[in-house]
Amino acid sequence: MWLVIGRAALSFFTTDRKNFFYNMLYLPTEPAYRVYRKFLPCCHTVALVLTLLVLRYLVVKLW
């Protein structure tokens, strides 16, 4: 979850794949993004972060 939040925050500044920090966050989070894009292809990174936060809240609330 923190990797996705970091990628969302960094995407406001750069999306250059040659950037070391962006690439470091891009590689581990891209599989999750691919799955997410199949269901909601029009959504942005912020939507993914909000979805993860809501899911985490629901899991913590149910336990």
Protein backbone atom coordinates (compact mmCIF):
# COMPACT_ATOMS: atom_id res chain seq x y z
CA MET A 1 0.00 0.00 0.00
CA TRP A 2 2.80 2.42 0.84
CA LEU A 3 4.46 1.78 -2.52
CA VAL A 4 1.25 2.76 -4.31
CA ILE A 5 0.90 5.89 -2.19
CA GLY A 6 4.55 6.76 -2.90
CA ARG A 7 4.02 6.24 -6.62
CA ALA A 8 0.91 8.42 -6.53
CA ALA A 9 2.78 11.20 -4.74
CA LEU A 10 5.77 10.97 -7.07
CA SER A 11 3.57 10.96 -10.17
CA PHE A 12 2.67 14.59 -9.43
CA PHE A 13 6.31 15.52 -10.02
CA THR A 14 7.57 13.08 -12.65
CA THR A 15 6.53 10.07 -14.70
CA ASP A 16 9.91 9.64 -16.34
CA ARG A 17 10.86 5.95 -16.33
CA LYS A 18 14.55 6.93 -16.39
CA ASN A 19 14.20 8.51 -12.94
CA PHE A 20 15.64 6.07 -10.37
CA PHE A 21 13.04 6.77 -7.66
CA TYR A 22 10.07 6.57 -10.01
CA ASN A 23 11.38 3.35 -11.53
CA MET A 24 11.95 1.91 -8.03
CA LEU A 25 8.25 2.47 -7.27
CA TYR A 26 7.05 1.60 -10.77
CA LEU A 27 8.41 -1.94 -11.00
CA PRO A 28 6.79 -3.47 -7.87
CA THR A 29 3.46 -1.63 -8.25
CA GLU A 30 2.84 -2.13 -11.97
CA PRO A 31 1.31 -5.64 -11.60
CA ALA A 32 -1.31 -4.24 -9.21
CA TYR A 33 -1.98 -1.36 -11.58
CA ARG A 34 -2.47 -3.75 -14.51
CA VAL A 35 -5.13 -5.70 -12.60
CA TYR A 36 -6.80 -2.47 -11.49
CA ARG A 37 -6.80 -1.05 -15.03
CA LYS A 38 -8.69 -4.10 -16.33
CA PHE A 39 -11.63 -3.26 -14.09
CA LEU A 40 -11.44 0.55 -14.19
CA PRO A 41 -9.45 1.63 -17.24
CA CYS A 42 -10.38 5.31 -16.98
CA CYS A 43 -9.21 5.86 -13.40
CA HIS A 44 -6.09 7.60 -12.18
CA THR A 45 -3.47 6.71 -9.57
CA VAL A 46 -5.34 8.69 -6.93
CA ALA A 47 -8.40 6.47 -7.45
CA LEU A 48 -6.26 3.41 -6.84
CA VAL A 49 -4.90 4.89 -3.62
CA LEU A 50 -8.40 5.76 -2.42
CA THR A 51 -9.61 2.25 -3.25
CA LEU A 52 -6.76 0.70 -1.26
CA LEU A 53 -7.46 2.98 1.70
CA VAL A 54 -11.16 2.08 1.69
CA LEU A 55 -10.40 -1.64 1.44
CA ARG A 56 -7.90 -1.38 4.28
CA TYR A 57 -10.45 0.47 6.41
CA LEU A 58 -13.07 -2.18 5.73
CA VAL A 59 -10.71 -5.04 6.59
CA VAL A 60 -9.59 -3.38 9.83
CA LYS A 61 -13.17 -2.52 10.75
CA LEU A 62 -14.39 -6.08 10.20
CA TRP A 63 -11.64 -7.60 12.33
